[in-house]
C-alpha atoms as a PDB file:
ATOM      1  CA  MET A   1     -10.129  22.226  48.275  1.00  0.00           C
ATOM      2  CA  GLY A   2      -8.126  23.598  45.364  1.00  0.00           C
ATOM      3  CA  ARG A   3      -8.039  27.138  44.131  1.00  0.00           C
ATOM      4  CA  PRO A   4     -11.407  28.419  42.836  1.00  0.00           C
ATOM      5  CA  HIS A   5     -11.719  28.360  39.044  1.00  0.00           C
ATOM      6  CA  ASN A   6     -12.289  31.589  37.142  1.00  0.00           C
ATOM      7  CA  ASN A   7     -15.416  31.900  35.036  1.00  0.00           C
ATOM      8  CA  LYS A   8     -13.705  31.888  31.627  1.00  0.00           C
ATOM      9  CA  ASN A   9     -14.026  28.152  30.992  1.00  0.00           C
ATOM     10  CA  VAL A  10     -17.056  27.222  33.118  1.00  0.00           C
ATOM     11  CA  THR A  11     -19.112  24.614  31.294  1.00  0.00           C
ATOM     12  CA  LEU A  12     -22.661  25.222  30.159  1.00  0.00           C
ATOM     13  CA  ALA A  13     -24.009  22.635  32.630  1.00  0.00           C
ATOM     14  CA  VAL A  14     -22.297  24.337  35.584  1.00  0.00           C
ATOM     15  CA  GLN A  15     -23.558  27.769  34.535  1.00  0.00           C
ATOM     16  CA  GLU A  16     -27.118  26.463  34.267  1.00  0.00           C
ATOM     17  CA  ALA A  17     -26.808  24.839  37.705  1.00  0.00           C
ATOM     18  CA  VAL A  18     -25.551  28.148  39.187  1.00  0.00           C
ATOM     19  CA  ILE A  19     -28.489  30.071  37.640  1.00  0.00           C
ATOM     20  CA  GLN A  20     -30.960  27.503  38.964  1.00  0.00           C
ATOM     21  CA  GLY A  21     -29.405  27.716  42.442  1.00  0.00           C
ATOM     22  CA  ILE A  22     -29.689  31.512  42.547  1.00  0.00           C
ATOM     23  CA  GLN A  23     -33.298  31.342  41.369  1.00  0.00           C
ATOM     24  CA  MET A  24     -33.955  28.937  44.271  1.00  0.00           C
ATOM     25  CA  ARG A  25     -32.530  31.626  46.572  1.00  0.00           C
ATOM     26  CA  LEU A  26     -29.464  29.629  47.579  1.00  0.00           C
ATOM     27  CA  LYS A  27     -26.626  31.647  49.021  1.00  0.00           C
ATOM     28  CA  ARG A  28     -23.971  32.598  46.504  1.00  0.00           C
ATOM     29  CA  LYS A  29     -21.272  31.731  49.018  1.00  0.00           C
ATOM     30  CA  ASP A  30     -22.597  28.159  49.171  1.00  0.00           C
ATOM     31  CA  LEU A  31     -22.771  27.926  45.374  1.00  0.00           C
ATOM     32  CA  ALA A  32     -19.177  29.108  45.103  1.00  0.00           C
ATOM     33  CA  LEU A  33     -18.078  26.364  47.506  1.00  0.00           C
ATOM     34  CA  GLN A  34     -20.180  23.720  45.734  1.00  0.00           C
ATOM     35  CA  PHE A  35     -18.801  24.427  42.247  1.00  0.00           C
ATOM     36  CA  ASN A  36     -15.313  25.511  43.360  1.00  0.00           C
ATOM     37  CA  LEU A  37     -15.770  28.984  41.881  1.00  0.00           C
ATOM     38  CA  ALA A  38     -14.995  32.424  43.204  1.00  0.00           C
ATOM     39  CA  LYS A  39     -18.000  34.278  44.608  1.00  0.00           C
ATOM     40  CA  SER A  40     -17.431  36.989  42.019  1.00  0.00           C
ATOM     41  CA  SER A  41     -17.680  34.327  39.289  1.00  0.00           C
ATOM     42  CA  ILE A  42     -21.072  33.239  40.611  1.00  0.00           C
ATOM     43  CA  THR A  43     -22.236  36.862  40.502  1.00  0.00           C
ATOM     44  CA  GLY A  44     -20.795  37.371  37.003  1.00  0.00           C
ATOM     45  CA  ILE A  45     -22.558  34.277  35.634  1.00  0.00           C
ATOM     46  CA  PHE A  46     -25.926  35.480  36.913  1.00  0.00           C
ATOM     47  CA  GLN A  47     -25.389  39.058  35.714  1.00  0.00           C
ATOM     48  CA  ARG A  48     -24.568  37.881  32.175  1.00  0.00           C
ATOM     49  CA  TYR A  49     -27.582  35.605  32.277  1.00  0.00           C
ATOM     50  CA  GLU A  50     -29.874  38.508  33.085  1.00  0.00           C
ATOM     51  CA  LEU A  51     -28.195  40.800  30.553  1.00  0.00           C
ATOM     52  CA  ARG A  52     -28.275  38.319  27.640  1.00  0.00           C
ATOM     53  CA  GLN A  53     -31.392  36.400  28.601  1.00  0.00           C
ATOM     54  CA  GLY A  54     -29.503  33.104  28.515  1.00  0.00           C
ATOM     55  CA  VAL A  55     -26.238  31.356  29.213  1.00  0.00           C
ATOM     56  CA  VAL A  56     -23.400  31.993  26.764  1.00  0.00           C
ATOM     57  CA  ILE A  57     -20.076  30.158  26.493  1.00  0.00           C
ATOM     58  CA  ARG A  58     -17.357  32.636  25.661  1.00  0.00           C
ATOM     59  CA  LYS A  59     -14.831  31.263  23.210  1.00  0.00           C
ATOM     60  CA  SER A  60     -11.202  32.071  23.744  1.00  0.00           C
ATOM     61  CA  PRO A  61      -9.723  34.039  20.852  1.00  0.00           C
ATOM     62  CA  GLU A  62      -7.742  31.873  18.420  1.00  0.00           C
ATOM     63  CA  ARG A  63      -4.001  32.327  18.222  1.00  0.00           C
ATOM     64  CA  PRO A  64      -3.114  34.374  15.145  1.00  0.00           C
ATOM     65  CA  ARG A  65      -1.560  32.465  12.234  1.00  0.00           C
ATOM     66  CA  LYS A  66       2.186  32.807  11.941  1.00  0.00           C
ATOM     67  CA  THR A  67       2.058  32.880   8.136  1.00  0.00           C
ATOM     68  CA  ASN A  68       0.107  35.119   5.814  1.00  0.00           C
ATOM     69  CA  HIS A  69      -1.850  34.132   2.723  1.00  0.00           C
ATOM     70  CA  LEU A  70       1.106  34.742   0.390  1.00  0.00           C
ATOM     71  CA  THR A  71       3.437  32.526   2.425  1.00  0.00           C
ATOM     72  CA  ASP A  72       0.821  29.790   2.625  1.00  0.00           C
ATOM     73  CA  ARG A  73       0.430  29.872  -1.149  1.00  0.00           C
ATOM     74  CA  ASN A  74       4.201  29.700  -1.672  1.00  0.00           C
ATOM     75  CA  ILE A  75       4.473  26.721   0.683  1.00  0.00           C
ATOM     76  CA  VAL A  76       1.852  24.774  -1.265  1.00  0.00           C
ATOM     77  CA  ARG A  77       3.224  25.799  -4.668  1.00  0.00           C
ATOM     78  CA  THR A  78       6.799  24.819  -3.709  1.00  0.00           C
ATOM     79  CA  SER A  79       5.669  21.398  -2.552  1.00  0.00           C
ATOM     80  CA  ARG A  80       3.564  20.806  -5.659  1.00  0.00           C
ATOM     81  CA  MET A  81       6.515  21.692  -7.893  1.00  0.00           C
ATOM     82  CA  ASN A  82       8.714  19.125  -6.131  1.00  0.00           C
ATOM     83  CA  PRO A  83       6.691  16.682  -3.998  1.00  0.00           C
ATOM     84  CA  ARG A  84       9.891  14.992  -2.760  1.00  0.00           C
ATOM     85  CA  LEU A  85      10.960  18.004  -0.696  1.00  0.00           C
ATOM     86  CA  SER A  86      10.843  17.632   3.069  1.00  0.00           C
ATOM     87  CA  ALA A  87       9.002  20.176   5.201  1.00  0.00           C
ATOM     88  CA  GLY A  88      12.351  21.667   6.253  1.00  0.00           C
ATOM     89  CA  GLU A  89      13.458  22.064   2.625  1.00  0.00           C
ATOM     90  CA  VAL A  90      10.157  23.719   1.731  1.00  0.00           C
ATOM     91  CA  ALA A  91      10.558  26.119   4.669  1.00  0.00           C
ATOM     92  CA  ALA A  92      14.023  27.138   3.460  1.00  0.00           C
ATOM     93  CA  LEU A  93      12.826  27.731  -0.105  1.00  0.00           C
ATOM     94  CA  VAL A  94       9.871  29.975   0.804  1.00  0.00           C
ATOM     95  CA  ASP A  95      12.096  32.244   2.896  1.00  0.00           C
ATOM     96  CA  GLY A  96      12.311  35.780   1.554  1.00  0.00           C
ATOM     97  CA  PRO A  97      13.607  39.216   2.594  1.00  0.00           C
ATOM     98  CA  MET A  98      10.142  40.270   3.808  1.00  0.00           C
ATOM     99  CA  THR A  99       9.040  36.816   4.999  1.00  0.00           C
ATOM    100  CA  PRO A 100      10.326  35.104   8.145  1.00  0.00           C
ATOM    101  CA  VAL A 101      11.305  31.456   7.847  1.00  0.00           C
ATOM    102  CA  PRO A 102       8.249  29.385   8.910  1.00  0.00           C
ATOM    103  CA  HIS A 103       8.756  26.601  11.396  1.00  0.00           C
ATOM    104  CA  VAL A 104       8.836  23.058  10.043  1.00  0.00           C
ATOM    105  CA  ARG A 105       5.696  22.152  12.009  1.00  0.00           C
ATOM    106  CA  THR A 106       3.927  25.167  10.534  1.00  0.00           C
ATOM    107  CA  VAL A 107       4.876  24.042   7.026  1.00  0.00           C
ATOM    108  CA  ARG A 108       3.515  20.549   7.726  1.00  0.00           C
ATOM    109  CA  ARG A 109       0.231  22.015   8.959  1.00  0.00           C
ATOM    110  CA  ARG A 110      -0.160  24.261   5.915  1.00  0.00           C
ATOM    111  CA  LEU A 111       0.530  21.363   3.557  1.00  0.00           C
ATOM    112  CA  ALA A 112      -1.901  19.122   5.437  1.00  0.00           C
ATOM    113  CA  GLU A 113      -4.567  21.835   5.221  1.00  0.00           C
ATOM    114  CA  SER A 114      -4.125  21.740   1.447  1.00  0.00           C
ATOM    115  CA  GLY A 115      -4.411  17.948   1.287  1.00  0.00           C
ATOM    116  CA  LEU A 116      -0.653  17.373   0.896  1.00  0.00           C
ATOM    117  CA  SER A 117       0.057  15.037   3.787  1.00  0.00           C
ATOM    118  CA  GLY A 118       3.297  13.060   3.782  1.00  0.00           C
ATOM    119  CA  ARG A 119       3.006   9.556   2.321  1.00  0.00           C
ATOM    120  CA  ARG A 120       5.344   6.802   1.209  1.00  0.00           C
ATOM    121  CA  PRO A 121       5.697   6.805  -2.601  1.00  0.00           C
ATOM    122  CA  ALA A 122       4.520   3.753  -4.490  1.00  0.00           C
ATOM    123  CA  LYS A 123       7.326   1.712  -6.016  1.00  0.00           C
ATOM    124  CA  LYS A 124       7.181   1.037  -9.727  1.00  0.00           C
ATOM    125  CA  PRO A 125       9.812  -0.352 -12.087  1.00  0.00           C
ATOM    126  CA  PHE A 126      11.583   2.335 -14.076  1.00  0.00           C
ATOM    127  CA  ILE A 127      10.778   2.181 -17.793  1.00  0.00           C
ATOM    128  CA  ASN A 128      12.915   4.223 -20.157  1.00  0.00           C
ATOM    129  CA  ALA A 129      11.546   6.173 -23.108  1.00  0.00           C
ATOM    130  CA  LYS A 130      12.511   3.521 -25.656  1.00  0.00           C
ATOM    131  CA  ASN A 131      10.673   0.751 -23.841  1.00  0.00           C
ATOM    132  CA  ARG A 132       7.672   2.984 -23.182  1.00  0.00           C
ATOM    133  CA  LYS A 133       7.344   3.477 -26.944  1.00  0.00           C
ATOM    134  CA  ILE A 134       7.682  -0.263 -27.529  1.00  0.00           C
ATOM    135  CA  ARG A 135       4.919  -0.903 -24.988  1.00  0.00           C
ATOM    136  CA  VAL A 136       2.619   1.588 -26.703  1.00  0.00           C
ATOM    137  CA  ASP A 137       3.371   0.077 -30.119  1.00  0.00           C
ATOM    138  CA  TRP A 138       2.645  -3.396 -28.729  1.00  0.00           C
ATOM    139  CA  ALA A 139      -0.687  -2.223 -27.333  1.00  0.00           C
ATOM    140  CA  LYS A 140      -1.650  -0.635 -30.654  1.00  0.00           C
ATOM    141  CA  ALA A 141      -0.720  -3.806 -32.548  1.00  0.00           C
ATOM    142  CA  HIS A 142      -3.041  -5.897 -30.355  1.00  0.00           C
ATOM    143  CA  VAL A 143      -5.872  -3.459 -29.758  1.00  0.00           C
ATOM    144  CA  GLY A 144      -7.908  -5.196 -32.437  1.00  0.00           C
ATOM    145  CA  TRP A 145      -7.605  -8.643 -30.887  1.00  0.00           C
ATOM    146  CA  GLY A 146     -10.890 -10.198 -29.833  1.00  0.00           C
ATOM    147  CA  ARG A 147     -11.821 -13.004 -27.453  1.00  0.00           C
ATOM    148  CA  ALA A 148     -10.823 -15.708 -29.924  1.00  0.00           C
ATOM    149  CA  GLU A 149      -7.247 -14.402 -30.267  1.00  0.00           C
ATOM    150  CA  TRP A 150      -6.687 -13.957 -26.526  1.00  0.00           C
ATOM    151  CA  LYS A 151      -8.209 -17.357 -25.740  1.00  0.00           C
ATOM    152  CA  SER A 152      -5.550 -18.934 -27.939  1.00  0.00           C
ATOM    153  CA  VAL A 153      -2.707 -17.540 -25.774  1.00  0.00           C
ATOM    154  CA  LEU A 154      -0.899 -19.690 -23.218  1.00  0.00           C
ATOM    155  CA  TRP A 155       0.559 -17.448 -20.507  1.00  0.00           C
ATOM    156  CA  SER A 156       3.714 -18.459 -18.626  1.00  0.00           C
ATOM    157  CA  ASP A 157       6.206 -17.207 -16.067  1.00  0.00           C
ATOM    158  CA  GLU A 158       8.573 -18.237 -13.278  1.00  0.00           C
ATOM    159  CA  SER A 159       8.274 -17.287  -9.629  1.00  0.00           C
ATOM    160  CA  LYS A 160      10.344 -17.781  -6.472  1.00  0.00           C
ATOM    161  CA  TYR A 161       8.962 -18.856  -3.089  1.00  0.00           C
ATOM    162  CA  ASN A 162      10.838 -18.892   0.202  1.00  0.00           C
ATOM    163  CA  LEU A 163      10.757 -21.994   2.354  1.00  0.00           C
ATOM    164  CA  PHE A 164      10.609 -19.941   5.529  1.00  0.00           C
ATOM    165  CA  GLY A 165       8.195 -17.040   5.251  1.00  0.00           C
ATOM    166  CA  SER A 166       8.329 -14.226   2.718  1.00  0.00           C
ATOM    167  CA  ASP A 167      10.654 -11.371   1.837  1.00  0.00           C
ATOM    168  CA  GLY A 168       8.150  -8.787   3.080  1.00  0.00           C
ATOM    169  CA  VAL A 169       8.289  -6.847   6.364  1.00  0.00           C
ATOM    170  CA  LYS A 170       6.281  -8.417   9.196  1.00  0.00           C
ATOM    171  CA  TRP A 171       4.660  -6.365  11.967  1.00  0.00           C
ATOM    172  CA  ILE A 172       3.597  -7.405  15.458  1.00  0.00           C
ATOM    173  CA  ARG A 173       1.983  -5.649  18.413  1.00  0.00           C
ATOM    174  CA  ARG A 174       3.766  -6.207  21.717  1.00  0.00           C
ATOM    175  CA  PRO A 175       4.185  -4.528  25.112  1.00  0.00           C
ATOM    176  CA  VAL A 176       7.241  -2.401  25.825  1.00  0.00           C
ATOM    177  CA  GLY A 177      10.261  -4.396  26.981  1.00  0.00           C
ATOM    178  CA  THR A 178       9.213  -7.707  25.365  1.00  0.00           C
ATOM    179  CA  ARG A 179      11.215  -7.423  22.116  1.00  0.00           C
ATOM    180  CA  TYR A 180      13.171 -10.650  22.719  1.00  0.00           C
ATOM    181  CA  SER A 181      10.349 -12.687  24.192  1.00  0.00           C
ATOM    182  CA  PRO A 182       9.969 -15.869  22.073  1.00  0.00           C
ATOM    183  CA  LYS A 183       6.283 -15.046  21.600  1.00  0.00           C
ATOM    184  CA  TYR A 184       7.164 -11.891  19.690  1.00  0.00           C
ATOM    185  CA  GLN A 185      10.176 -13.130  17.729  1.00  0.00           C
ATOM    186  CA  THR A 186      10.331 -14.156  14.077  1.00  0.00           C
ATOM    187  CA  PRO A 187      12.603 -17.197  13.644  1.00  0.00           C
ATOM    188  CA  THR A 188      15.257 -16.747  10.980  1.00  0.00           C
ATOM    189  CA  MET A 189      17.516 -19.151   9.171  1.00  0.00           C
ATOM    190  CA  LYS A 190      20.888 -18.649   7.565  1.00  0.00           C
ATOM    191  CA  HIS A 191      20.532 -17.359   3.984  1.00  0.00           C
ATOM    192  CA  GLY A 192      16.782 -17.011   4.518  1.00  0.00           C
ATOM    193  CA  GLY A 193      16.219 -20.759   4.811  1.00  0.00           C
ATOM    194  CA  GLY A 194      16.347 -21.323   1.070  1.00  0.00           C
ATOM    195  CA  SER A 195      13.788 -21.008  -1.678  1.00  0.00           C
ATOM    196  CA  ILE A 196      12.489 -22.816  -4.717  1.00  0.00           C
ATOM    197  CA  CYS A 197      11.613 -21.549  -8.165  1.00  0.00           C
ATOM    198  CA  VAL A 198       8.644 -22.815 -10.145  1.00  0.00           C
ATOM    199  CA  TRP A 199       7.449 -22.432 -13.728  1.00  0.00           C
ATOM    200  CA  GLY A 200       3.746 -22.247 -14.367  1.00  0.00           C
ATOM    201  CA  CYS A 201       1.300 -21.561 -17.149  1.00  0.00           C
ATOM    202  CA  PHE A 202      -2.415 -21.177 -17.765  1.00  0.00           C
ATOM    203  CA  SER A 203      -4.876 -20.389 -20.527  1.00  0.00           C
ATOM    204  CA  ALA A 204      -8.453 -19.208 -20.716  1.00  0.00           C
ATOM    205  CA  TYR A 205      -9.445 -22.879 -20.410  1.00  0.00           C
ATOM    206  CA  GLY A 206      -7.793 -23.581 -17.072  1.00  0.00           C
ATOM    207  CA  MET A 207      -4.688 -23.868 -14.943  1.00  0.00           C
ATOM    208  CA  GLY A 208      -1.660 -25.518 -16.488  1.00  0.00           C
ATOM    209  CA  PRO A 209       1.118 -27.538 -14.864  1.00  0.00           C
ATOM    210  CA  LEU A 210       3.336 -26.132 -12.134  1.00  0.00           C
ATOM    211  CA  VAL A 211       6.905 -27.343 -12.648  1.00  0.00           C
ATOM    212  CA  ARG A 212       9.707 -27.213 -10.104  1.00  0.00           C
ATOM    213  CA  VAL A 213      12.928 -25.669 -11.410  1.00  0.00           C
ATOM    214  CA  SER A 214      16.095 -27.523 -10.478  1.00  0.00           C
ATOM    215  CA  GLY A 215      18.738 -25.052  -9.336  1.00  0.00           C
ATOM    216  CA  LEU A 216      19.372 -22.186 -11.722  1.00  0.00           C
ATOM    217  CA  MET A 217      17.345 -22.773 -14.860  1.00  0.00           C
ATOM    218  CA  ASP A 218      19.277 -22.616 -18.122  1.00  0.00           C
ATOM    219  CA  ARG A 219      18.153 -22.918 -21.750  1.00  0.00           C
ATOM    220  CA  PHE A 220      18.356 -26.720 -21.684  1.00  0.00           C
ATOM    221  CA  GLN A 221      16.102 -27.089 -18.659  1.00  0.00           C
ATOM    222  CA  TYR A 222      13.736 -24.527 -20.146  1.00  0.00           C
ATOM    223  CA  GLU A 223      13.567 -26.500 -23.396  1.00  0.00           C
ATOM    224  CA  SER A 224      12.717 -29.610 -21.363  1.00  0.00           C
ATOM    225  CA  ILE A 225       9.859 -27.783 -19.652  1.00  0.00           C
ATOM    226  CA  LEU A 226       8.548 -26.580 -23.013  1.00  0.00           C
ATOM    227  CA  GLU A 227       8.720 -30.044 -24.543  1.00  0.00           C
ATOM    228  CA  ASN A 228       7.407 -32.126 -21.652  1.00  0.00           C
ATOM    229  CA  HIS A 229       4.977 -29.789 -19.912  1.00  0.00           C
ATOM    230  CA  MET A 230       4.043 -26.677 -21.874  1.00  0.00           C
ATOM    231  CA  ARG A 231       3.412 -28.167 -25.325  1.00  0.00           C
ATOM    232  CA  PRO A 232       1.323 -31.152 -24.176  1.00  0.00           C
ATOM    233  CA  PHE A 233      -0.901 -28.931 -22.020  1.00  0.00           C
ATOM    234  CA  ALA A 234      -1.292 -26.301 -24.745  1.00  0.00           C
ATOM    235  CA  ARG A 235      -2.297 -28.855 -27.374  1.00  0.00           C
ATOM    236  CA  GLN A 236      -4.732 -30.494 -24.989  1.00  0.00           C
ATOM    237  CA  SER A 237      -6.414 -27.320 -23.677  1.00  0.00           C
ATOM    238  CA  ILE A 238      -6.203 -24.949 -26.668  1.00  0.00           C
ATOM    239  CA  GLY A 239      -5.392 -27.114 -29.667  1.00  0.00           C
ATOM    240  CA  ARG A 240      -2.613 -27.357 -32.210  1.00  0.00           C
ATOM    241  CA  SER A 241      -2.850 -23.653 -33.078  1.00  0.00           C
ATOM    242  CA  PHE A 242      -1.877 -21.712 -29.985  1.00  0.00           C
ATOM    243  CA  THR A 243       0.300 -18.707 -29.139  1.00  0.00           C
ATOM    244  CA  TYR A 244       2.871 -18.965 -26.385  1.00  0.00           C
ATOM    245  CA  GLN A 245       3.667 -15.986 -24.156  1.00  0.00           C
ATOM    246  CA  GLN A 246       6.991 -15.586 -22.345  1.00  0.00           C
ATOM    247  CA  ASP A 247       9.096 -12.670 -21.159  1.00  0.00           C
ATOM    248  CA  ASN A 248      12.470 -11.659 -22.588  1.00  0.00           C
ATOM    249  CA  ASP A 249      14.674 -13.541 -20.144  1.00  0.00           C
ATOM    250  CA  PRO A 250      17.937 -14.506 -21.931  1.00  0.00           C
ATOM    251  CA  LYS A 251      17.263 -18.225 -21.590  1.00  0.00           C
ATOM    252  CA  HIS A 252      13.826 -17.725 -23.155  1.00  0.00           C
ATOM    253  CA  THR A 253      15.189 -15.853 -26.156  1.00  0.00           C
ATOM    254  CA  SER A 254      18.365 -17.892 -26.651  1.00  0.00           C
ATOM    255  CA  LEU A 255      19.124 -19.355 -30.074  1.00  0.00           C
ATOM    256  CA  HIS A 256      18.748 -22.840 -28.629  1.00  0.00           C
ATOM    257  CA  VAL A 257      15.168 -22.173 -27.509  1.00  0.00           C
ATOM    258  CA  ARG A 258      14.270 -20.237 -30.667  1.00  0.00           C
ATOM    259  CA  ASN A 259      15.321 -23.247 -32.715  1.00  0.00           C
ATOM    260  CA  TRP A 260      13.007 -25.422 -30.618  1.00  0.00           C
ATOM    261  CA  PHE A 261      10.072 -23.080 -31.297  1.00  0.00           C
ATOM    262  CA  ASN A 262      10.824 -23.276 -35.024  1.00  0.00           C
ATOM    263  CA  ARG A 263      11.052 -27.070 -35.024  1.00  0.00           C
ATOM    264  CA  ARG A 264       7.799 -27.417 -33.115  1.00  0.00           C
ATOM    265  CA  HIS A 265       6.051 -24.670 -35.109  1.00  0.00           C
ATOM    266  CA  VAL A 266       5.105 -22.767 -31.945  1.00  0.00           C
ATOM    267  CA  ASN A 267       3.968 -19.187 -32.452  1.00  0.00           C
ATOM    268  CA  VAL A 268       5.533 -16.912 -29.798  1.00  0.00           C
ATOM    269  CA  LEU A 269       3.796 -13.714 -28.761  1.00  0.00           C
ATOM    270  CA  PRO A 270       6.170 -10.724 -29.165  1.00  0.00           C
ATOM    271  CA  TRP A 271       6.720  -9.248 -25.738  1.00  0.00           C
ATOM    272  CA  PRO A 272       7.889  -5.704 -24.826  1.00  0.00           C
ATOM    273  CA  SER A 273      10.780  -5.426 -22.387  1.00  0.00           C
ATOM    274  CA  GLN A 274      10.230  -4.303 -18.776  1.00  0.00           C
ATOM    275  CA  SER A 275       6.578  -5.357 -18.897  1.00  0.00           C
ATOM    276  CA  PRO A 276       5.845  -7.783 -16.044  1.00  0.00           C
ATOM    277  CA  ASP A 277       2.700  -5.782 -15.325  1.00  0.00           C
ATOM    278  CA  LEU A 278       1.260  -6.806 -18.703  1.00  0.00           C
ATOM    279  CA  ASN A 279       1.474 -10.512 -17.921  1.00  0.00           C
ATOM    280  CA  VAL A 280      -1.917 -11.659 -16.670  1.00  0.00           C
ATOM    281  CA  ILE A 281      -0.316 -14.533 -14.745  1.00  0.00           C
ATOM    282  CA  GLU A 282       0.939 -12.113 -12.069  1.00  0.00           C
ATOM    283  CA  PRO A 283      -2.394 -12.084 -10.150  1.00  0.00           C
ATOM    284  CA  LEU A 284      -2.234 -15.886 -10.027  1.00  0.00           C
ATOM    285  CA  TRP A 285       1.183 -15.770  -8.352  1.00  0.00           C
ATOM    286  CA  GLU A 286      -0.324 -13.391  -5.797  1.00  0.00           C
ATOM    287  CA  GLU A 287      -3.277 -15.739  -5.309  1.00  0.00           C
ATOM    288  CA  LEU A 288      -0.849 -18.604  -4.763  1.00  0.00           C
ATOM    289  CA  GLU A 289       1.014 -16.531  -2.161  1.00  0.00           C
ATOM    290  CA  ARG A 290      -2.251 -15.780  -0.327  1.00  0.00           C
ATOM    291  CA  ARG A 291      -3.222 -19.449  -0.266  1.00  0.00           C
ATOM    292  CA  LEU A 292       0.143 -20.340   1.310  1.00  0.00           C
ATOM    293  CA  LYS A 293      -0.031 -17.622   3.949  1.00  0.00           C
ATOM    294  CA  GLY A 294       0.608 -19.085   7.381  1.00  0.00           C
ATOM    295  CA  LYS A 295       1.993 -22.351   6.006  1.00  0.00           C
ATOM    296  CA  PHE A 296       5.627 -23.225   6.671  1.00  0.00           C
ATOM    297  CA  ALA A 297       7.740 -25.917   5.046  1.00  0.00           C
ATOM    298  CA  SER A 298      10.695 -27.689   6.592  1.00  0.00           C
ATOM    299  CA  ASN A 299      12.272 -28.524   3.223  1.00  0.00           C
ATOM    300  CA  ALA A 300      12.006 -27.829  -0.492  1.00  0.00           C
ATOM    301  CA  ASP A 301       9.998 -30.969  -1.242  1.00  0.00           C
ATOM    302  CA  GLN A 302       7.331 -30.049   1.281  1.00  0.00           C
ATOM    303  CA  LYS A 303       7.191 -26.497  -0.053  1.00  0.00           C
ATOM    304  CA  PHE A 304       6.712 -27.662  -3.630  1.00  0.00           C
ATOM    305  CA  SER A 305       3.969 -30.048  -2.523  1.00  0.00           C
ATOM    306  CA  GLN A 306       2.176 -27.129  -0.849  1.00  0.00           C
ATOM    307  CA  LEU A 307       2.587 -25.034  -3.986  1.00  0.00           C
ATOM    308  CA  GLN A 308       1.194 -27.765  -6.235  1.00  0.00           C
ATOM    309  CA  ASP A 309      -1.834 -28.301  -3.988  1.00  0.00           C
ATOM    310  CA  ALA A 310      -2.616 -24.579  -3.823  1.00  0.00           C
ATOM    311  CA  TRP A 311      -2.053 -24.124  -7.578  1.00  0.00           C
ATOM    312  CA  SER A 312      -4.458 -26.926  -8.446  1.00  0.00           C
ATOM    313  CA  GLN A 313      -7.138 -25.408  -6.201  1.00  0.00           C
ATOM    314  CA  ILE A 314      -7.189 -21.999  -7.892  1.00  0.00           C
ATOM    315  CA  PRO A 315     -10.689 -21.845  -9.414  1.00  0.00           C
ATOM    316  CA  GLN A 316     -11.658 -20.981 -12.969  1.00  0.00           C
ATOM    317  CA  SER A 317     -13.259 -17.782 -11.631  1.00  0.00           C
ATOM    318  CA  ALA A 318      -9.772 -16.471 -10.814  1.00  0.00           C
ATOM    319  CA  ILE A 319      -8.894 -16.785 -14.509  1.00  0.00           C
ATOM    320  CA  ASN A 320     -12.099 -15.358 -15.897  1.00  0.00           C
END
């Protein structure tokens, strides 16, 4: 038998059992042996029961806080002023002649108490002041557009897809010591296994063609896509009067391509720089990525076939 426990942390159930045993006239020595308590603890439990007319669990006093209210407020204020500071940097900045330097763990607790837990910042493309103004001006110029105007727009973009998985980080759950077990490995290929680039478009009336880009697309290949794929689909789905949307990639805005737009009388939607988030085709690229999840291709032809099949199966509800 181990050492008898003191009566500071005796559970409520044990105390009630001790009281019941004494009321049944059991010997206190036997109760002490049964519950592994000192005989004096058995006596103390019953005495407190009689004095307070019930069983009471005594709470241990909490450890005093190592920081006062002023220090806590300075910790939170310093972090709010510069949310990129680490807990150690915050601790150094709140140090004063009358204030001891708080421990890093203490700083983390105070920040967490105030709802300032550490998190990874969201990544977002940097947009300078000039382009922010251009974006606002573009929004103001089109705020009056109605359904008819937007339905006349043909949206386009290019996107890259890897043959062997994606560029994102993959996570697995595995036992310790099994890092190099084939079951838990991710096969890799030299230079990532290659990738293909595709051009796609859509309008309010449906999905357009998905065209495979050969190598690095230049202005001549882009003109070919416009002539043989974009224009026929636009005229068929929207009509002769449509507006074409493209980003400001150099090959899109080259003199060669601008001359083609003029010859074909194609109206091009002015587009602000650094604005991929404004292009409504982006969710369709994400939908295409989701539909290809778990599918692997051994070569570029197979990958493009998978892309075409998935692209053609995107429903009208994804556009609406």
